[in-house]
Amino acid sequence: MSPREFRELQTAVNAGTVRSKTFRRTYDNVVVAWSQSGRFYYDGSRVWVRSTYRGYTGYHSCRVDRAIGYVVERKNCDESGSTTKRDLRAIFHSSAIPSGGLVNWDTEWHTYVNAFGRVWW
């Protein structure tokens, strides 16, 4: 075994077992429904979602499921953070045309995941 191969093996052993979790958040009322969901991987020292690490790649999805009387669009669905904690952000833009003028707003969600498999918002 070469020194490089030994270091790679040692890194994998020290990192621990790769585990995964899924998450799902939904907003659902009579007129609008949207969701944020995904799968992330973690090993006790690192967490990853859309990037590939140790042969695994997760996903992060943000979708509009229903909009009646409103226009609702997915504005952003991204991630940021460090190798030990990821911030999964979803932004939905909503607009309605009531009498008197245009009304619109953004709704921003943050879902956090870490290297130990914890999920919170």
PDB file of N, CA and C in Angstrom:
ATOM      1  N   MET A   1       0.853  -1.169   0.000  1.00  0.00           N
ATOM      2  CA  MET A   1       0.000   0.000   0.000  1.00  0.00           C
ATOM      3  C   MET A   1       0.903   1.237   0.000  1.00  0.00           C
ATOM      4  N   SER A   2       0.610   2.158  -0.888  1.00  0.00           N
ATOM      5  CA  SER A   2       1.425   3.370  -0.982  1.00  0.00           C
ATOM      6  C   SER A   2       1.082   4.321   0.184  1.00  0.00           C
ATOM      7  N   PRO A   3       1.947   5.261   0.491  1.00  0.00           N
ATOM      8  CA  PRO A   3       1.641   6.241   1.544  1.00  0.00           C
ATOM      9  C   PRO A   3       0.347   7.013   1.265  1.00  0.00           C
ATOM     10  N   ARG A   4       0.099   7.359   0.008  1.00  0.00           N
ATOM     11  CA  ARG A   4      -1.125   8.075  -0.345  1.00  0.00           C
ATOM     12  C   ARG A   4      -2.361   7.217  -0.091  1.00  0.00           C
ATOM     13  N   GLU A   5      -2.312   5.950  -0.509  1.00  0.00           N
ATOM     14  CA  GLU A   5      -3.433   5.036  -0.283  1.00  0.00           C
ATOM     15  C   GLU A   5      -3.677   4.826   1.207  1.00  0.00           C
ATOM     16  N   PHE A   6      -2.603   4.743   1.988  1.00  0.00           N
ATOM     17  CA  PHE A   6      -2.742   4.584   3.431  1.00  0.00           C
ATOM     18  C   PHE A   6      -3.429   5.807   4.045  1.00  0.00           C
ATOM     19  N   ARG A   7      -3.047   7.011   3.635  1.00  0.00           N
ATOM     20  CA  ARG A   7      -3.675   8.236   4.163  1.00  0.00           C
ATOM     21  C   ARG A   7      -5.159   8.288   3.809  1.00  0.00           C
ATOM     22  N   GLU A   8      -5.503   7.881   2.591  1.00  0.00           N
ATOM     23  CA  GLU A   8      -6.910   7.864   2.179  1.00  0.00           C
ATOM     24  C   GLU A   8      -7.712   6.865   3.009  1.00  0.00           C
ATOM     25  N   LEU A   9      -7.144   5.694   3.244  1.00  0.00           N
ATOM     26  CA  LEU A   9      -7.803   4.696   4.073  1.00  0.00           C
ATOM     27  C   LEU A   9      -7.961   5.194   5.500  1.00  0.00           C
ATOM     28  N   GLN A  10      -6.925   5.789   6.042  1.00  0.00           N
ATOM     29  CA  GLN A  10      -6.969   6.315   7.403  1.00  0.00           C
ATOM     30  C   GLN A  10      -8.030   7.409   7.539  1.00  0.00           C
ATOM     31  N   THR A  11      -8.133   8.275   6.553  1.00  0.00           N
ATOM     32  CA  THR A  11      -9.150   9.330   6.567  1.00  0.00           C
ATOM     33  C   THR A  11     -10.548   8.733   6.570  1.00  0.00           C
ATOM     34  N   ALA A  12     -10.772   7.716   5.757  1.00  0.00           N
ATOM     35  CA  ALA A  12     -12.087   7.070   5.689  1.00  0.00           C
ATOM     36  C   ALA A  12     -12.445   6.395   7.004  1.00  0.00           C
ATOM     37  N   VAL A  13     -11.488   5.710   7.625  1.00  0.00           N
ATOM     38  CA  VAL A  13     -11.735   5.042   8.909  1.00  0.00           C
ATOM     39  C   VAL A  13     -12.046   6.072   9.987  1.00  0.00           C
ATOM     40  N   ASN A  14     -11.271   7.159  10.034  1.00  0.00           N
ATOM     41  CA  ASN A  14     -11.490   8.194  11.041  1.00  0.00           C
ATOM     42  C   ASN A  14     -12.816   8.913  10.856  1.00  0.00           C
ATOM     43  N   ALA A  15     -13.296   9.000   9.626  1.00  0.00           N
ATOM     44  CA  ALA A  15     -14.534   9.726   9.352  1.00  0.00           C
ATOM     45  C   ALA A  15     -15.762   8.991   9.873  1.00  0.00           C
ATOM     46  N   GLY A  16     -15.712   7.716  10.011  1.00  0.00           N
ATOM     47  CA  GLY A  16     -16.858   6.970  10.528  1.00  0.00           C
ATOM     48  C   GLY A  16     -17.778   6.482   9.412  1.00  0.00           C
ATOM     49  N   THR A  17     -18.858   5.864   9.817  1.00  0.00           N
ATOM     50  CA  THR A  17     -19.822   5.287   8.897  1.00  0.00           C
ATOM     51  C   THR A  17     -20.658   6.377   8.255  1.00  0.00           C
ATOM     52  N   VAL A  18     -20.904   6.258   6.968  1.00  0.00           N
ATOM     53  CA  VAL A  18     -21.763   7.204   6.269  1.00  0.00           C
ATOM     54  C   VAL A  18     -23.220   6.835   6.540  1.00  0.00           C
ATOM     55  N   ARG A  19     -23.976   7.828   6.956  1.00  0.00           N
ATOM     56  CA  ARG A  19     -25.410   7.657   7.208  1.00  0.00           C
ATOM     57  C   ARG A  19     -26.158   8.712   6.406  1.00  0.00           C
ATOM     58  N   SER A  20     -27.456   8.510   6.240  1.00  0.00           N
ATOM     59  CA  SER A  20     -28.249   9.505   5.533  1.00  0.00           C
ATOM     60  C   SER A  20     -29.582   9.711   6.239  1.00  0.00           C
ATOM     61  N   LYS A  21     -30.161  10.872   5.994  1.00  0.00           N
ATOM     62  CA  LYS A  21     -31.496  11.205   6.497  1.00  0.00           C
ATOM     63  C   LYS A  21     -32.221  11.994   5.425  1.00  0.00           C
ATOM     64  N   THR A  22     -33.526  11.875   5.454  1.00  0.00           N
ATOM     65  CA  THR A  22     -34.354  12.709   4.595  1.00  0.00           C
ATOM     66  C   THR A  22     -35.086  13.717   5.460  1.00  0.00           C
ATOM     67  N   PHE A  23     -35.470  14.817   4.851  1.00  0.00           N
ATOM     68  CA  PHE A  23     -36.261  15.826   5.550  1.00  0.00           C
ATOM     69  C   PHE A  23     -37.339  16.324   4.598  1.00  0.00           C
ATOM     70  N   ARG A  24     -38.402  16.862   5.181  1.00  0.00           N
ATOM     71  CA  ARG A  24     -39.493  17.435   4.389  1.00  0.00           C
ATOM     72  C   ARG A  24     -40.214  18.469   5.228  1.00  0.00           C
ATOM     73  N   ARG A  25     -40.371  19.641   4.660  1.00  0.00           N
ATOM     74  CA  ARG A  25     -41.166  20.711   5.268  1.00  0.00           C
ATOM     75  C   ARG A  25     -42.245  21.089   4.269  1.00  0.00           C
ATOM     76  N   THR A  26     -43.440  21.319   4.763  1.00  0.00           N
ATOM     77  CA  THR A  26     -44.525  21.704   3.861  1.00  0.00           C
ATOM     78  C   THR A  26     -45.317  22.862   4.450  1.00  0.00           C
ATOM     79  N   TYR A  27     -45.829  23.669   3.570  1.00  0.00           N
ATOM     80  CA  TYR A  27     -46.815  24.684   3.912  1.00  0.00           C
ATOM     81  C   TYR A  27     -48.009  24.367   3.040  1.00  0.00           C
ATOM     82  N   ASP A  28     -49.166  24.177   3.654  1.00  0.00           N
ATOM     83  CA  ASP A  28     -50.333  23.756   2.901  1.00  0.00           C
ATOM     84  C   ASP A  28     -51.577  24.353   3.531  1.00  0.00           C
ATOM     85  N   ASN A  29     -52.254  25.211   2.788  1.00  0.00           N
ATOM     86  CA  ASN A  29     -53.567  25.677   3.222  1.00  0.00           C
ATOM     87  C   ASN A  29     -54.523  25.527   2.046  1.00  0.00           C
ATOM     88  N   VAL A  30     -55.662  26.117   2.093  1.00  0.00           N
ATOM     89  CA  VAL A  30     -56.671  25.912   1.058  1.00  0.00           C
ATOM     90  C   VAL A  30     -56.207  26.396  -0.313  1.00  0.00           C
ATOM     91  N   VAL A  31     -55.450  27.504  -0.350  1.00  0.00           N
ATOM     92  CA  VAL A  31     -55.134  28.111  -1.645  1.00  0.00           C
ATOM     93  C   VAL A  31     -53.695  27.897  -2.120  1.00  0.00           C
ATOM     94  N   VAL A  32     -52.742  27.706  -1.223  1.00  0.00           N
ATOM     95  CA  VAL A  32     -51.360  27.512  -1.650  1.00  0.00           C
ATOM     96  C   VAL A  32     -50.721  26.348  -0.908  1.00  0.00           C
ATOM     97  N   ALA A  33     -49.786  25.694  -1.587  1.00  0.00           N
ATOM     98  CA  ALA A  33     -49.009  24.622  -0.958  1.00  0.00           C
ATOM     99  C   ALA A  33     -47.642  24.605  -1.608  1.00  0.00           C
ATOM    100  N   TRP A  34     -46.594  24.560  -0.781  1.00  0.00           N
ATOM    101  CA  TRP A  34     -45.246  24.403  -1.285  1.00  0.00           C
ATOM    102  C   TRP A  34     -44.463  23.537  -0.325  1.00  0.00           C
ATOM    103  N   SER A  35     -43.337  23.030  -0.783  1.00  0.00           N
ATOM    104  CA  SER A  35     -42.572  22.118   0.055  1.00  0.00           C
ATOM    105  C   SER A  35     -41.076  22.260  -0.210  1.00  0.00           C
ATOM    106  N   GLN A  36     -40.327  21.835   0.787  1.00  0.00           N
ATOM    107  CA  GLN A  36     -38.868  21.764   0.719  1.00  0.00           C
ATOM    108  C   GLN A  36     -38.499  20.379   1.244  1.00  0.00           C
ATOM    109  N   SER A  37     -37.718  19.641   0.479  1.00  0.00           N
ATOM    110  CA  SER A  37     -37.362  18.290   0.914  1.00  0.00           C
ATOM    111  C   SER A  37     -35.961  17.949   0.421  1.00  0.00           C
ATOM    112  N   GLY A  38     -35.433  16.857   0.951  1.00  0.00           N
ATOM    113  CA  GLY A  38     -34.120  16.435   0.495  1.00  0.00           C
ATOM    114  C   GLY A  38     -33.560  15.263   1.266  1.00  0.00           C
ATOM    115  N   ARG A  39     -32.374  14.874   0.868  1.00  0.00           N
ATOM    116  CA  ARG A  39     -31.609  13.827   1.539  1.00  0.00           C
ATOM    117  C   ARG A  39     -30.193  14.356   1.707  1.00  0.00           C
ATOM    118  N   PHE A  40     -29.665  14.170   2.922  1.00  0.00           N
ATOM    119  CA  PHE A  40     -28.284  14.565   3.168  1.00  0.00           C
ATOM    120  C   PHE A  40     -27.533  13.399   3.776  1.00  0.00           C
ATOM    121  N   TYR A  41     -26.218  13.454   3.667  1.00  0.00           N
ATOM    122  CA  TYR A  41     -25.335  12.415   4.195  1.00  0.00           C
ATOM    123  C   TYR A  41     -24.435  13.031   5.251  1.00  0.00           C
ATOM    124  N   TYR A  42     -24.068  12.208   6.222  1.00  0.00           N
ATOM    125  CA  TYR A  42     -23.212  12.681   7.314  1.00  0.00           C
ATOM    126  C   TYR A  42     -22.404  11.511   7.850  1.00  0.00           C
ATOM    127  N   ASP A  43     -21.272  11.825   8.483  1.00  0.00           N
ATOM    128  CA  ASP A  43     -20.431  10.759   9.019  1.00  0.00           C
ATOM    129  C   ASP A  43     -19.814  11.096  10.375  1.00  0.00           C
ATOM    130  N   GLY A  44     -20.344  12.093  11.055  1.00  0.00           N
ATOM    131  CA  GLY A  44     -19.814  12.471  12.362  1.00  0.00           C
ATOM    132  C   GLY A  44     -18.765  13.559  12.301  1.00  0.00           C
ATOM    133  N   SER A  45     -18.166  13.758  11.135  1.00  0.00           N
ATOM    134  CA  SER A  45     -17.207  14.848  10.992  1.00  0.00           C
ATOM    135  C   SER A  45     -17.541  15.747   9.804  1.00  0.00           C
ATOM    136  N   ARG A  46     -18.446  15.291   8.950  1.00  0.00           N
ATOM    137  CA  ARG A  46     -18.786  16.064   7.768  1.00  0.00           C
ATOM    138  C   ARG A  46     -20.241  15.817   7.387  1.00  0.00           C
ATOM    139  N   VAL A  47     -20.880  16.839   6.796  1.00  0.00           N
ATOM    140  CA  VAL A  47     -22.232  16.721   6.253  1.00  0.00           C
ATOM    141  C   VAL A  47     -22.200  17.242   4.819  1.00  0.00           C
ATOM    142  N   TRP A  48     -22.944  16.586   3.919  1.00  0.00           N
ATOM    143  CA  TRP A  48     -22.991  17.049   2.547  1.00  0.00           C
ATOM    144  C   TRP A  48     -24.361  16.757   1.955  1.00  0.00           C
ATOM    145  N   VAL A  49     -24.740  17.599   1.002  1.00  0.00           N
ATOM    146  CA  VAL A  49     -26.056  17.473   0.376  1.00  0.00           C
ATOM    147  C   VAL A  49     -25.883  17.280  -1.126  1.00  0.00           C
ATOM    148  N   ARG A  50     -25.712  18.334  -1.871  1.00  0.00           N
ATOM    149  CA  ARG A  50     -25.634  18.245  -3.332  1.00  0.00           C
ATOM    150  C   ARG A  50     -24.253  17.887  -3.855  1.00  0.00           C
ATOM    151  N   SER A  51     -23.255  17.959  -3.028  1.00  0.00           N
ATOM    152  CA  SER A  51     -21.916  17.586  -3.485  1.00  0.00           C
ATOM    153  C   SER A  51     -21.718  16.080  -3.279  1.00  0.00           C
ATOM    154  N   THR A  52     -20.783  15.520  -4.008  1.00  0.00           N
ATOM    155  CA  THR A  52     -20.467  14.102  -3.872  1.00  0.00           C
ATOM    156  C   THR A  52     -19.252  13.962  -2.961  1.00  0.00           C
ATOM    157  N   TYR A  53     -19.401  13.107  -1.955  1.00  0.00           N
ATOM    158  CA  TYR A  53     -18.314  12.837  -1.022  1.00  0.00           C
ATOM    159  C   TYR A  53     -18.448  11.385  -0.594  1.00  0.00           C
ATOM    160  N   ARG A  54     -17.343  10.688  -0.550  1.00  0.00           N
ATOM    161  CA  ARG A  54     -17.311   9.271  -0.166  1.00  0.00           C
ATOM    162  C   ARG A  54     -18.287   8.435  -0.993  1.00  0.00           C
ATOM    163  N   GLY A  55     -18.529   8.863  -2.224  1.00  0.00           N
ATOM    164  CA  GLY A  55     -19.378   8.110  -3.146  1.00  0.00           C
ATOM    165  C   GLY A  55     -20.865   8.381  -3.032  1.00  0.00           C
ATOM    166  N   TYR A  56     -21.282   9.329  -2.217  1.00  0.00           N
ATOM    167  CA  TYR A  56     -22.700   9.613  -2.011  1.00  0.00           C
ATOM    168  C   TYR A  56     -23.017  11.062  -2.364  1.00  0.00           C
ATOM    169  N   THR A  57     -24.181  11.266  -2.968  1.00  0.00           N
ATOM    170  CA  THR A  57     -24.671  12.594  -3.304  1.00  0.00           C
ATOM    171  C   THR A  57     -26.122  12.702  -2.865  1.00  0.00           C
ATOM    172  N   GLY A  58     -26.434  13.729  -2.112  1.00  0.00           N
ATOM    173  CA  GLY A  58     -27.807  13.957  -1.682  1.00  0.00           C
ATOM    174  C   GLY A  58     -28.537  14.870  -2.644  1.00  0.00           C
ATOM    175  N   TYR A  59     -29.681  15.376  -2.203  1.00  0.00           N
ATOM    176  CA  TYR A  59     -30.430  16.315  -3.032  1.00  0.00           C
ATOM    177  C   TYR A  59     -31.192  17.291  -2.147  1.00  0.00           C
ATOM    178  N   HIS A  60     -31.596  18.405  -2.745  1.00  0.00           N
ATOM    179  CA  HIS A  60     -32.396  19.437  -2.084  1.00  0.00           C
ATOM    180  C   HIS A  60     -33.397  19.918  -3.115  1.00  0.00           C
ATOM    181  N   SER A  61     -34.681  19.830  -2.799  1.00  0.00           N
ATOM    182  CA  SER A  61     -35.738  20.169  -3.741  1.00  0.00           C
ATOM    183  C   SER A  61     -36.703  21.166  -3.109  1.00  0.00           C
ATOM    184  N   CYS A  62     -37.120  22.142  -3.877  1.00  0.00           N
ATOM    185  CA  CYS A  62     -38.107  23.131  -3.437  1.00  0.00           C
ATOM    186  C   CYS A  62     -39.163  23.205  -4.531  1.00  0.00           C
ATOM    187  N   ARG A  63     -40.426  23.011  -4.174  1.00  0.00           N
ATOM    188  CA  ARG A  63     -41.444  22.988  -5.214  1.00  0.00           C
ATOM    189  C   ARG A  63     -42.750  23.619  -4.781  1.00  0.00           C
ATOM    190  N   VAL A  64     -43.437  24.173  -5.746  1.00  0.00           N
ATOM    191  CA  VAL A  64     -44.777  24.719  -5.553  1.00  0.00           C
ATOM    192  C   VAL A  64     -45.745  23.624  -5.970  1.00  0.00           C
ATOM    193  N   ASP A  65     -46.621  23.238  -5.053  1.00  0.00           N
ATOM    194  CA  ASP A  65     -47.562  22.163  -5.335  1.00  0.00           C
ATOM    195  C   ASP A  65     -48.940  22.667  -5.755  1.00  0.00           C
ATOM    196  N   ARG A  66     -49.326  23.877  -5.251  1.00  0.00           N
ATOM    197  CA  ARG A  66     -50.648  24.405  -5.580  1.00  0.00           C
ATOM    198  C   ARG A  66     -50.662  25.909  -5.345  1.00  0.00           C
ATOM    199  N   ALA A  67     -51.386  26.619  -6.195  1.00  0.00           N
ATOM    200  CA  ALA A  67     -51.603  28.051  -6.019  1.00  0.00           C
ATOM    201  C   ALA A  67     -52.927  28.418  -6.681  1.00  0.00           C
ATOM    202  N   ILE A  68     -53.915  28.767  -5.877  1.00  0.00           N
ATOM    203  CA  ILE A  68     -55.239  29.139  -6.375  1.00  0.00           C
ATOM    204  C   ILE A  68     -55.474  30.597  -5.979  1.00  0.00           C
ATOM    205  N   GLY A  69     -55.627  31.454  -6.966  1.00  0.00           N
ATOM    206  CA  GLY A  69     -55.846  32.869  -6.694  1.00  0.00           C
ATOM    207  C   GLY A  69     -54.563  33.641  -6.428  1.00  0.00           C
ATOM    208  N   TYR A  70     -53.434  32.967  -6.479  1.00  0.00           N
ATOM    209  CA  TYR A  70     -52.119  33.565  -6.292  1.00  0.00           C
ATOM    210  C   TYR A  70     -51.198  33.042  -7.374  1.00  0.00           C
ATOM    211  N   VAL A  71     -50.159  33.784  -7.624  1.00  0.00           N
ATOM    212  CA  VAL A  71     -49.065  33.271  -8.433  1.00  0.00           C
ATOM    213  C   VAL A  71     -47.932  32.997  -7.450  1.00  0.00           C
ATOM    214  N   VAL A  72     -47.518  31.755  -7.349  1.00  0.00           N
ATOM    215  CA  VAL A  72     -46.430  31.372  -6.444  1.00  0.00           C
ATOM    216  C   VAL A  72     -45.339  30.724  -7.287  1.00  0.00           C
ATOM    217  N   GLU A  73     -44.130  31.238  -7.138  1.00  0.00           N
ATOM    218  CA  GLU A  73     -43.002  30.735  -7.909  1.00  0.00           C
ATOM    219  C   GLU A  73     -41.846  30.404  -6.982  1.00  0.00           C
ATOM    220  N   ARG A  74     -41.107  29.409  -7.342  1.00  0.00           N
ATOM    221  CA  ARG A  74     -39.869  29.106  -6.626  1.00  0.00           C
ATOM    222  C   ARG A  74     -38.823  30.117  -7.082  1.00  0.00           C
ATOM    223  N   LYS A  75     -38.342  30.893  -6.139  1.00  0.00           N
ATOM    224  CA  LYS A  75     -37.369  31.937  -6.475  1.00  0.00           C
ATOM    225  C   LYS A  75     -35.939  31.444  -6.287  1.00  0.00           C
ATOM    226  N   ASN A  76     -35.714  30.631  -5.262  1.00  0.00           N
ATOM    227  CA  ASN A  76     -34.369  30.135  -4.985  1.00  0.00           C
ATOM    228  C   ASN A  76     -34.457  28.831  -4.209  1.00  0.00           C
ATOM    229  N   CYS A  77     -33.476  27.958  -4.442  1.00  0.00           N
ATOM    230  CA  CYS A  77     -33.388  26.681  -3.738  1.00  0.00           C
ATOM    231  C   CYS A  77     -31.903  26.339  -3.700  1.00  0.00           C
ATOM    232  N   ASP A  78     -31.208  26.812  -2.669  1.00  0.00           N
ATOM    233  CA  ASP A  78     -29.757  26.661  -2.645  1.00  0.00           C
ATOM    234  C   ASP A  78     -29.261  26.189  -1.284  1.00  0.00           C
ATOM    235  N   GLU A  79     -27.966  26.040  -1.173  1.00  0.00           N
ATOM    236  CA  GLU A  79     -27.349  25.640   0.087  1.00  0.00           C
ATOM    237  C   GLU A  79     -26.043  26.385   0.283  1.00  0.00           C
ATOM    238  N   SER A  80     -25.685  26.548   1.523  1.00  0.00           N
ATOM    239  CA  SER A  80     -24.422  27.195   1.875  1.00  0.00           C
ATOM    240  C   SER A  80     -23.984  26.642   3.223  1.00  0.00           C
ATOM    241  N   GLY A  81     -22.876  27.129   3.730  1.00  0.00           N
ATOM    242  CA  GLY A  81     -22.404  26.703   5.043  1.00  0.00           C
ATOM    243  C   GLY A  81     -21.030  26.076   4.971  1.00  0.00           C
ATOM    244  N   SER A  82     -20.751  25.292   5.995  1.00  0.00           N
ATOM    245  CA  SER A  82     -19.435  24.673   6.131  1.00  0.00           C
ATOM    246  C   SER A  82     -19.544  23.164   5.931  1.00  0.00           C
ATOM    247  N   THR A  83     -18.456  22.458   6.113  1.00  0.00           N
ATOM    248  CA  THR A  83     -18.478  20.997   5.977  1.00  0.00           C
ATOM    249  C   THR A  83     -19.140  20.326   7.174  1.00  0.00           C
ATOM    250  N   THR A  84     -19.372  21.058   8.272  1.00  0.00           N
ATOM    251  CA  THR A  84     -20.001  20.469   9.452  1.00  0.00           C
ATOM    252  C   THR A  84     -21.449  20.907   9.649  1.00  0.00           C
ATOM    253  N   LYS A  85     -21.893  21.954   8.945  1.00  0.00           N
ATOM    254  CA  LYS A  85     -23.275  22.434   9.049  1.00  0.00           C
ATOM    255  C   LYS A  85     -23.680  23.069   7.725  1.00  0.00           C
ATOM    256  N   ARG A  86     -24.824  22.637   7.172  1.00  0.00           N
ATOM    257  CA  ARG A  86     -25.320  23.178   5.909  1.00  0.00           C
ATOM    258  C   ARG A  86     -26.624  23.927   6.155  1.00  0.00           C
ATOM    259  N   ASP A  87     -26.800  25.014   5.439  1.00  0.00           N
ATOM    260  CA  ASP A  87     -28.012  25.829   5.452  1.00  0.00           C
ATOM    261  C   ASP A  87     -28.696  25.621   4.113  1.00  0.00           C
ATOM    262  N   LEU A  88     -29.847  24.966   4.139  1.00  0.00           N
ATOM    263  CA  LEU A  88     -30.619  24.692   2.928  1.00  0.00           C
ATOM    264  C   LEU A  88     -31.743  25.726   2.856  1.00  0.00           C
ATOM    265  N   ARG A  89     -31.672  26.605   1.869  1.00  0.00           N
ATOM    266  CA  ARG A  89     -32.578  27.740   1.802  1.00  0.00           C
ATOM    267  C   ARG A  89     -33.575  27.562   0.660  1.00  0.00           C
ATOM    268  N   ALA A  90     -34.821  27.895   0.947  1.00  0.00           N
ATOM    269  CA  ALA A  90     -35.884  27.905  -0.058  1.00  0.00           C
ATOM    270  C   ALA A  90     -36.547  29.277  -0.003  1.00  0.00           C
ATOM    271  N   ILE A  91     -36.709  29.904  -1.165  1.00  0.00           N
ATOM    272  CA  ILE A  91     -37.417  31.177  -1.245  1.00  0.00           C
ATOM    273  C   ILE A  91     -38.535  31.031  -2.271  1.00  0.00           C
ATOM    274  N   PHE A  92     -39.754  31.352  -1.828  1.00  0.00           N
ATOM    275  CA  PHE A  92     -40.923  31.323  -2.688  1.00  0.00           C
ATOM    276  C   PHE A  92     -41.459  32.743  -2.822  1.00  0.00           C
ATOM    277  N   HIS A  93     -41.769  33.140  -4.041  1.00  0.00           N
ATOM    278  CA  HIS A  93     -42.322  34.470  -4.299  1.00  0.00           C
ATOM    279  C   HIS A  93     -43.807  34.314  -4.589  1.00  0.00           C
ATOM    280  N   SER A  94     -44.631  35.049  -3.853  1.00  0.00           N
ATOM    281  CA  SER A  94     -46.084  34.993  -4.008  1.00  0.00           C
ATOM    282  C   SER A  94     -46.602  36.354  -4.415  1.00  0.00           C
ATOM    283  N   SER A  95     -47.630  36.370  -5.246  1.00  0.00           N
ATOM    284  CA  SER A  95     -48.272  37.624  -5.619  1.00  0.00           C
ATOM    285  C   SER A  95     -49.758  37.393  -5.834  1.00  0.00           C
ATOM    286  N   ALA A  96     -50.525  38.425  -5.527  1.00  0.00           N
ATOM    287  CA  ALA A  96     -51.970  38.396  -5.700  1.00  0.00           C
ATOM    288  C   ALA A  96     -52.391  39.750  -6.238  1.00  0.00           C
ATOM    289  N   ILE A  97     -53.522  39.775  -6.903  1.00  0.00           N
ATOM    290  CA  ILE A  97     -54.015  41.038  -7.432  1.00  0.00           C
ATOM    291  C   ILE A  97     -55.372  41.323  -6.786  1.00  0.00           C
ATOM    292  N   PRO A  98     -55.360  41.904  -5.595  1.00  0.00           N
ATOM    293  CA  PRO A  98     -56.632  42.296  -4.984  1.00  0.00           C
ATOM    294  C   PRO A  98     -57.103  43.628  -5.579  1.00  0.00           C
ATOM    295  N   SER A  99     -58.308  44.028  -5.273  1.00  0.00           N
ATOM    296  CA  SER A  99     -58.765  45.335  -5.748  1.00  0.00           C
ATOM    297  C   SER A  99     -57.886  46.411  -5.134  1.00  0.00           C
ATOM    298  N   GLY A 100     -57.431  47.323  -5.952  1.00  0.00           N
ATOM    299  CA  GLY A 100     -56.606  48.410  -5.428  1.00  0.00           C
ATOM    300  C   GLY A 100     -55.131  48.287  -5.764  1.00  0.00           C
ATOM    301  N   GLY A 101     -54.660  47.164  -6.274  1.00  0.00           N
ATOM    302  CA  GLY A 101     -53.251  47.118  -6.646  1.00  0.00           C
ATOM    303  C   GLY A 101     -52.607  45.767  -6.431  1.00  0.00           C
ATOM    304  N   LEU A 102     -51.352  45.693  -6.810  1.00  0.00           N
ATOM    305  CA  LEU A 102     -50.593  44.444  -6.759  1.00  0.00           C
ATOM    306  C   LEU A 102     -49.958  44.264  -5.378  1.00  0.00           C
ATOM    307  N   VAL A 103     -50.099  43.088  -4.820  1.00  0.00           N
ATOM    308  CA  VAL A 103     -49.494  42.736  -3.535  1.00  0.00           C
ATOM    309  C   VAL A 103     -48.585  41.536  -3.777  1.00  0.00           C
ATOM    310  N   ASN A 104     -47.321  41.612  -3.326  1.00  0.00           N
ATOM    311  CA  ASN A 104     -46.429  40.464  -3.491  1.00  0.00           C
ATOM    312  C   ASN A 104     -45.436  40.415  -2.346  1.00  0.00           C
ATOM    313  N   TRP A 105     -44.910  39.220  -2.098  1.00  0.00           N
ATOM    314  CA  TRP A 105     -43.982  39.013  -0.987  1.00  0.00           C
ATOM    315  C   TRP A 105     -43.168  37.759  -1.220  1.00  0.00           C
ATOM    316  N   ASP A 106     -42.064  37.670  -0.496  1.00  0.00           N
ATOM    317  CA  ASP A 106     -41.219  36.478  -0.499  1.00  0.00           C
ATOM    318  C   ASP A 106     -41.352  35.758   0.827  1.00  0.00           C
ATOM    319  N   THR A 107     -41.333  34.451   0.783  1.00  0.00           N
ATOM    320  CA  THR A 107     -41.267  33.616   1.975  1.00  0.00           C
ATOM    321  C   THR A 107     -39.952  32.861   1.912  1.00  0.00           C
ATOM    322  N   GLU A 108     -39.140  32.981   2.965  1.00  0.00           N
ATOM    323  CA  GLU A 108     -37.818  32.361   2.979  1.00  0.00           C
ATOM    324  C   GLU A 108     -37.730  31.355   4.121  1.00  0.00           C
ATOM    325  N   TRP A 109     -37.352  30.131   3.788  1.00  0.00           N
ATOM    326  CA  TRP A 109     -37.172  29.071   4.777  1.00  0.00           C
ATOM    327  C   TRP A 109     -35.710  28.673   4.835  1.00  0.00           C
ATOM    328  N   HIS A 110     -35.260  28.349   6.021  1.00  0.00           N
ATOM    329  CA  HIS A 110     -33.912  27.804   6.208  1.00  0.00           C
ATOM    330  C   HIS A 110     -34.041  26.486   6.968  1.00  0.00           C
ATOM    331  N   THR A 111     -33.520  25.433   6.404  1.00  0.00           N
ATOM    332  CA  THR A 111     -33.428  24.137   7.067  1.00  0.00           C
ATOM    333  C   THR A 111     -31.940  23.866   7.274  1.00  0.00           C
ATOM    334  N   TYR A 112     -31.573  23.511   8.500  1.00  0.00           N
ATOM    335  CA  TYR A 112     -30.162  23.286   8.834  1.00  0.00           C
ATOM    336  C   TYR A 112     -29.930  21.812   9.113  1.00  0.00           C
ATOM    337  N   VAL A 113     -28.799  21.302   8.659  1.00  0.00           N
ATOM    338  CA  VAL A 113     -28.396  19.923   8.931  1.00  0.00           C
ATOM    339  C   VAL A 113     -26.935  19.945   9.342  1.00  0.00           C
ATOM    340  N   ASN A 114     -26.543  18.963  10.179  1.00  0.00           N
ATOM    341  CA  ASN A 114     -25.137  18.957  10.606  1.00  0.00           C
ATOM    342  C   ASN A 114     -24.502  17.576  10.472  1.00  0.00           C
ATOM    343  N   ALA A 115     -23.223  17.519  10.817  1.00  0.00           N
ATOM    344  CA  ALA A 115     -22.411  16.311  10.631  1.00  0.00           C
ATOM    345  C   ALA A 115     -22.832  15.157  11.544  1.00  0.00           C
ATOM    346  N   PHE A 116     -23.700  15.419  12.519  1.00  0.00           N
ATOM    347  CA  PHE A 116     -24.182  14.366  13.414  1.00  0.00           C
ATOM    348  C   PHE A 116     -25.613  13.919  13.057  1.00  0.00           C
ATOM    349  N   GLY A 117     -26.159  14.446  11.959  1.00  0.00           N
ATOM    350  CA  GLY A 117     -27.473  14.022  11.490  1.00  0.00           C
ATOM    351  C   GLY A 117     -28.628  14.810  12.040  1.00  0.00           C
ATOM    352  N   ARG A 118     -28.353  15.899  12.730  1.00  0.00           N
ATOM    353  CA  ARG A 118     -29.423  16.712  13.288  1.00  0.00           C
ATOM    354  C   ARG A 118     -30.035  17.596  12.209  1.00  0.00           C
ATOM    355  N   VAL A 119     -31.369  17.762  12.246  1.00  0.00           N
ATOM    356  CA  VAL A 119     -32.111  18.612  11.328  1.00  0.00           C
ATOM    357  C   VAL A 119     -32.909  19.594  12.165  1.00  0.00           C
ATOM    358  N   TRP A 120     -32.837  20.883  11.823  1.00  0.00           N
ATOM    359  CA  TRP A 120     -33.643  21.884  12.537  1.00  0.00           C
ATOM    360  C   TRP A 120     -33.952  23.065  11.631  1.00  0.00           C
ATOM    361  N   TRP A 121     -34.969  23.843  12.015  1.00  0.00           N
ATOM    362  CA  TRP A 121     -35.316  25.071  11.291  1.00  0.00           C
ATOM    363  C   TRP A 121     -35.769  26.121  12.253  1.00  0.00           C
TER     364      TRP A 121
END
